Amino acid sequence: MNRKIDITTTQNVTIQYNLASLQERITAFFIDWSILGLVLTILAIALVFIDGSSTLFTIIIVPILFFYTLFWEIFWEGQSPGKKSMNIKVVKINGKKPNVYDYVLRWTFRLIDIYFSVGTLASILIQSSTKAQRMGGVVSNTTVISLQSKIKVELADILKIESKANREVQYPKVQQYTEKEMLLLKRLIDRHKRYPNPAHKKLISQTCQTLKEQMELTDIPKNEIEFLKEVIRDYVVLTR
């Protein structure tokens, strides 16, 4: 079962994300170390031919080894190549954008969470924490989310509607939209129902006005949520 987390952005909009699973995080870790191992091997071989001493090795290899993860997460907005390939990333739980200090805290505690305990401590904490945080995540108020939606919705499941024979279609121009757009409308309705805040209400109103203009309607019902539901019903009737 996918664990989820609700994050309220600085615009006061609450978004639900899937937390990255332990397996996804471990896979990302090994992908990063495979890349790191390959790069370091190539550099080490090259340095042997350039300079047989350990000076260049210390100057070039050691920083890459130690700061690989920190560098990527800072400059790639919470993702390393491993995380990018697994479609997961580091985010702040309070909805703000992680800063350099946050990434440094996470990186510092890797020594305890991952390396000193051979990953055991990190695995236990991630599995037992409601927000899937290891120690580095707790102290920096961050976690790792999945950017890949695991929610599958079919248009047939959206609403129980009448057949075309016993329903009078109100908005025939709804056929110009795609199924994906209708699914977005349904998710917007569900999110407004769950989080009835001013930001979501404004988004509902803006969406209704856009639909009104695109379908060339002279007027729309005052009940905007019901209007959106009727638009979806008409789409299903006309396209199924």
Protein backbone atom coordinates (compact mmCIF):
# COMPACT_ATOMS: atom_id res chain seq x y z
CA MET A 1 0.00 0.00 0.00
CA ASN A 2 1.33 3.41 -1.00
CA ARG A 3 1.88 5.81 1.88
CA LYS A 4 0.91 9.40 1.20
CA ILE A 5 1.66 12.83 2.60
CA ASP A 6 -0.28 16.10 2.36
CA ILE A 7 1.94 19.13 1.75
CA THR A 8 0.51 22.65 1.91
CA THR A 9 2.35 25.00 -0.42
CA THR A 10 3.23 28.61 0.32
CA GLN A 11 0.14 29.55 -1.76
CA ASN A 12 -2.02 27.67 0.78
CA VAL A 13 -2.82 24.87 -1.66
CA THR A 14 -2.67 21.37 -0.22
CA ILE A 15 -1.25 18.70 -2.54
CA GLN A 16 -1.17 15.00 -1.80
CA TYR A 17 1.93 13.05 -2.83
CA ASN A 18 2.94 9.43 -2.69
CA LEU A 19 5.91 8.94 -0.39
CA ALA A 20 8.84 7.24 -2.10
CA SER A 21 9.01 3.62 -1.01
CA LEU A 22 12.05 2.16 0.71
CA GLN A 23 12.69 0.01 -2.36
CA GLU A 24 12.67 3.06 -4.65
CA ARG A 25 15.11 4.87 -2.39
CA ILE A 26 17.45 1.89 -2.12
CA THR A 27 17.39 1.41 -5.89
CA ALA A 28 18.20 5.10 -6.41
CA PHE A 29 21.08 4.77 -3.93
CA PHE A 30 22.62 1.85 -5.81
CA ILE A 31 22.16 3.57 -9.18
CA ASP A 32 24.05 6.59 -7.82
CA TRP A 33 26.84 4.40 -6.46
CA SER A 34 27.11 2.53 -9.75
CA ILE A 35 27.48 5.83 -11.59
CA LEU A 36 29.91 7.12 -8.98
CA GLY A 37 31.97 3.93 -9.12
CA LEU A 38 32.23 4.08 -12.91
CA VAL A 39 33.24 7.76 -12.92
CA LEU A 40 35.81 7.29 -10.16
CA THR A 41 37.32 4.25 -11.86
CA ILE A 42 37.77 6.14 -15.13
CA LEU A 43 39.26 9.14 -13.31
CA ALA A 44 41.58 6.98 -11.24
CA ILE A 45 42.94 5.27 -14.35
CA ALA A 46 43.40 8.62 -16.06
CA LEU A 47 45.20 10.09 -13.05
CA VAL A 48 47.64 7.18 -12.95
CA PHE A 49 48.85 8.16 -16.43
CA ILE A 50 48.83 11.89 -15.66
CA ASP A 51 50.42 11.85 -12.24
CA GLY A 52 51.57 8.81 -10.30
CA SER A 53 51.42 10.65 -6.98
CA SER A 54 48.43 10.82 -4.67
CA THR A 55 48.13 14.61 -4.89
CA LEU A 56 45.73 14.79 -7.83
CA PHE A 57 43.86 11.77 -6.50
CA THR A 58 43.18 13.59 -3.22
CA ILE A 59 42.25 16.86 -4.94
CA ILE A 60 39.87 15.34 -7.49
CA ILE A 61 38.65 11.92 -6.41
CA VAL A 62 37.99 12.51 -2.70
CA PRO A 63 35.67 15.54 -3.14
CA ILE A 64 33.65 13.69 -5.80
CA LEU A 65 33.33 10.68 -3.51
CA PHE A 66 32.19 12.68 -0.50
CA PHE A 67 30.09 15.42 -2.10
CA TYR A 68 28.44 13.56 -4.99
CA THR A 69 24.95 13.38 -3.43
CA LEU A 70 25.10 16.85 -1.87
CA PHE A 71 26.17 18.45 -5.15
CA TRP A 72 23.43 16.86 -7.21
CA GLU A 73 20.61 17.53 -4.72
CA ILE A 74 21.58 21.20 -4.41
CA PHE A 75 21.93 21.91 -8.11
CA TRP A 76 19.28 19.47 -9.39
CA GLU A 77 16.51 20.55 -7.01
CA GLY A 78 16.44 17.56 -4.68
CA GLN A 79 17.39 14.88 -7.18
CA SER A 80 20.54 12.91 -7.90
CA PRO A 81 20.86 10.87 -11.10
CA GLY A 82 19.62 7.86 -9.11
CA LYS A 83 16.59 9.72 -7.75
CA LYS A 84 15.92 11.19 -11.19
CA SER A 85 15.88 7.74 -12.77
CA MET A 86 13.45 6.52 -10.09
CA ASN A 87 11.32 9.67 -10.44
CA ILE A 88 11.64 10.62 -6.77
CA LYS A 89 12.90 13.80 -5.12
CA VAL A 90 13.56 15.54 -1.81
CA VAL A 91 10.94 18.07 -0.67
CA LYS A 92 10.25 20.17 2.40
CA ILE A 93 7.28 19.00 4.43
CA ASN A 94 6.18 22.60 5.08
CA GLY A 95 5.77 23.25 1.35
CA LYS A 96 8.77 25.56 1.03
CA LYS A 97 11.64 24.92 -1.34
CA PRO A 98 14.58 23.12 0.32
CA ASN A 99 17.63 25.34 0.70
CA VAL A 100 21.34 24.54 0.81
CA TYR A 101 21.25 24.21 4.61
CA ASP A 102 18.51 21.55 4.35
CA TYR A 103 20.52 19.52 1.86
CA VAL A 104 23.68 19.83 3.98
CA LEU A 105 21.80 18.53 7.04
CA ARG A 106 20.46 15.55 5.09
CA TRP A 107 23.92 14.84 3.68
CA THR A 108 25.63 15.11 7.09
CA PHE A 109 23.32 12.56 8.69
CA ARG A 110 23.95 10.07 5.86
CA LEU A 111 27.07 9.09 7.80
CA ILE A 112 24.89 7.82 10.67
CA ASP A 113 21.73 6.81 8.81
CA ILE A 114 23.36 4.93 5.98
CA TYR A 115 27.11 4.42 6.10
CA PHE A 116 27.89 3.69 9.76
CA SER A 117 24.86 1.39 10.10
CA VAL A 118 25.17 -0.05 6.58
CA GLY A 119 21.72 1.35 5.81
CA THR A 120 19.99 -0.53 8.62
CA LEU A 121 19.10 2.55 10.67
CA ALA A 122 17.82 4.45 7.64
CA SER A 123 15.66 1.49 6.57
CA ILE A 124 14.11 1.10 10.03
CA LEU A 125 13.38 4.82 10.36
CA ILE A 126 11.92 5.16 6.87
CA GLN A 127 9.64 2.15 7.36
CA SER A 128 8.47 3.18 10.84
CA SER A 129 8.07 6.92 10.24
CA THR A 130 4.67 8.18 9.10
CA LYS A 131 6.48 10.61 6.78
CA ALA A 132 9.14 8.11 5.66
CA GLN A 133 11.98 10.11 7.17
CA ARG A 134 15.42 8.99 8.20
CA MET A 135 17.31 11.11 10.76
CA GLY A 136 18.54 13.47 8.06
CA GLY A 137 14.95 14.03 6.97
CA VAL A 138 13.72 14.70 10.50
CA VAL A 139 16.35 17.34 11.33
CA SER A 140 15.91 19.10 7.97
CA ASN A 141 12.10 18.70 7.91
CA THR A 142 12.30 16.99 4.53
CA THR A 143 11.21 13.71 3.01
CA VAL A 144 11.39 11.95 -0.35
CA ILE A 145 8.29 11.78 -2.54
CA SER A 146 7.44 9.91 -5.70
CA LEU A 147 6.66 12.06 -8.73
CA GLN A 148 5.01 9.14 -10.46
CA SER A 149 1.27 9.05 -9.87
CA LYS A 150 0.14 5.60 -8.75
CA ILE A 151 -3.56 6.51 -8.85
CA LYS A 152 -5.44 4.98 -11.75
CA VAL A 153 -8.79 6.52 -12.57
CA GLU A 154 -11.08 5.53 -15.37
CA LEU A 155 -13.69 7.91 -16.72
CA ALA A 156 -16.36 5.24 -16.34
CA ASP A 157 -15.81 5.39 -12.58
CA ILE A 158 -16.23 9.14 -12.31
CA LEU A 159 -20.00 9.39 -12.00
CA LYS A 160 -23.06 7.19 -12.18
CA ILE A 161 -24.95 8.79 -15.03
CA GLU A 162 -27.97 8.16 -17.17
CA SER A 163 -27.77 6.74 -20.67
CA LYS A 164 -27.88 8.97 -23.73
CA ALA A 165 -31.48 7.92 -24.31
CA ASN A 166 -32.85 9.36 -21.06
CA ARG A 167 -30.49 12.30 -20.50
CA GLU A 168 -30.76 15.71 -22.16
CA VAL A 169 -27.28 16.99 -22.92
CA GLN A 170 -26.78 20.58 -21.81
CA TYR A 171 -23.27 21.25 -23.08
CA PRO A 172 -22.74 19.56 -26.48
CA LYS A 173 -19.47 21.43 -27.10
CA VAL A 174 -17.90 19.45 -24.30
CA GLN A 175 -16.85 16.97 -26.97
CA GLN A 176 -13.90 19.23 -27.83
CA TYR A 177 -12.13 18.11 -24.64
CA THR A 178 -10.11 15.00 -24.02
CA GLU A 179 -10.64 12.28 -21.44
CA LYS A 180 -7.50 13.46 -19.65
CA GLU A 181 -8.99 16.94 -19.26
CA MET A 182 -12.19 15.52 -17.84
CA LEU A 183 -10.19 13.48 -15.34
CA LEU A 184 -8.44 16.68 -14.28
CA LEU A 185 -11.84 18.27 -13.67
CA LYS A 186 -12.85 15.34 -11.49
CA ARG A 187 -9.63 15.57 -9.48
CA LEU A 188 -10.19 19.30 -9.06
CA ILE A 189 -13.68 18.64 -7.66
CA ASP A 190 -12.37 15.99 -5.29
CA ARG A 191 -9.54 18.22 -4.06
CA HIS A 192 -11.91 21.14 -3.46
CA LYS A 193 -14.21 18.83 -1.51
CA ARG A 194 -11.34 17.61 0.65
CA TYR A 195 -9.64 21.00 1.07
CA PRO A 196 -12.31 23.74 0.76
CA ASN A 197 -9.88 26.62 1.10
CA PRO A 198 -9.90 29.99 -0.77
CA ALA A 199 -7.13 28.90 -3.14
CA HIS A 200 -9.08 25.88 -4.37
CA LYS A 201 -12.31 27.90 -4.61
CA LYS A 202 -10.52 30.46 -6.78
CA LEU A 203 -9.17 27.68 -9.00
CA ILE A 204 -12.71 26.26 -9.37
CA SER A 205 -14.04 29.67 -10.41
CA GLN A 206 -11.22 30.22 -12.91
CA THR A 207 -11.81 26.78 -14.42
CA CYS A 208 -15.54 27.44 -14.78
CA GLN A 209 -14.90 30.76 -16.53
CA THR A 210 -12.47 29.09 -18.92
CA LEU A 211 -15.02 26.40 -19.77
CA LYS A 212 -17.69 29.05 -20.25
CA GLU A 213 -15.54 30.91 -22.77
CA GLN A 214 -14.31 27.82 -24.62
CA MET A 215 -17.80 26.34 -24.96
CA GLU A 216 -19.21 29.78 -25.84
CA LEU A 217 -21.81 29.77 -23.08
CA THR A 218 -23.75 32.91 -22.24
CA ASP A 219 -24.15 31.90 -18.62
CA ILE A 220 -23.31 29.12 -16.18
CA PRO A 221 -25.05 27.95 -12.97
CA LYS A 222 -24.15 29.70 -9.71
CA ASN A 223 -23.30 26.31 -8.22
CA GLU A 224 -19.89 25.92 -9.87
CA ILE A 225 -19.21 22.43 -8.56
CA GLU A 226 -22.50 21.16 -9.96
CA PHE A 227 -21.70 22.85 -13.26
CA LEU A 228 -18.42 20.95 -13.50
CA LYS A 229 -20.18 17.69 -12.68
CA GLU A 230 -22.75 18.31 -15.41
CA VAL A 231 -19.96 19.00 -17.91
CA ILE A 232 -18.36 15.67 -17.03
CA ARG A 233 -21.70 13.84 -17.27
CA ASP A 234 -22.35 15.30 -20.73
CA TYR A 235 -18.87 14.31 -21.87
CA VAL A 236 -19.38 10.70 -20.78
CA VAL A 237 -22.78 10.52 -22.48
CA LEU A 238 -21.53 12.00 -25.75
CA THR A 239 -18.29 10.06 -26.01
CA ARG A 240 -18.93 6.61 -24.63
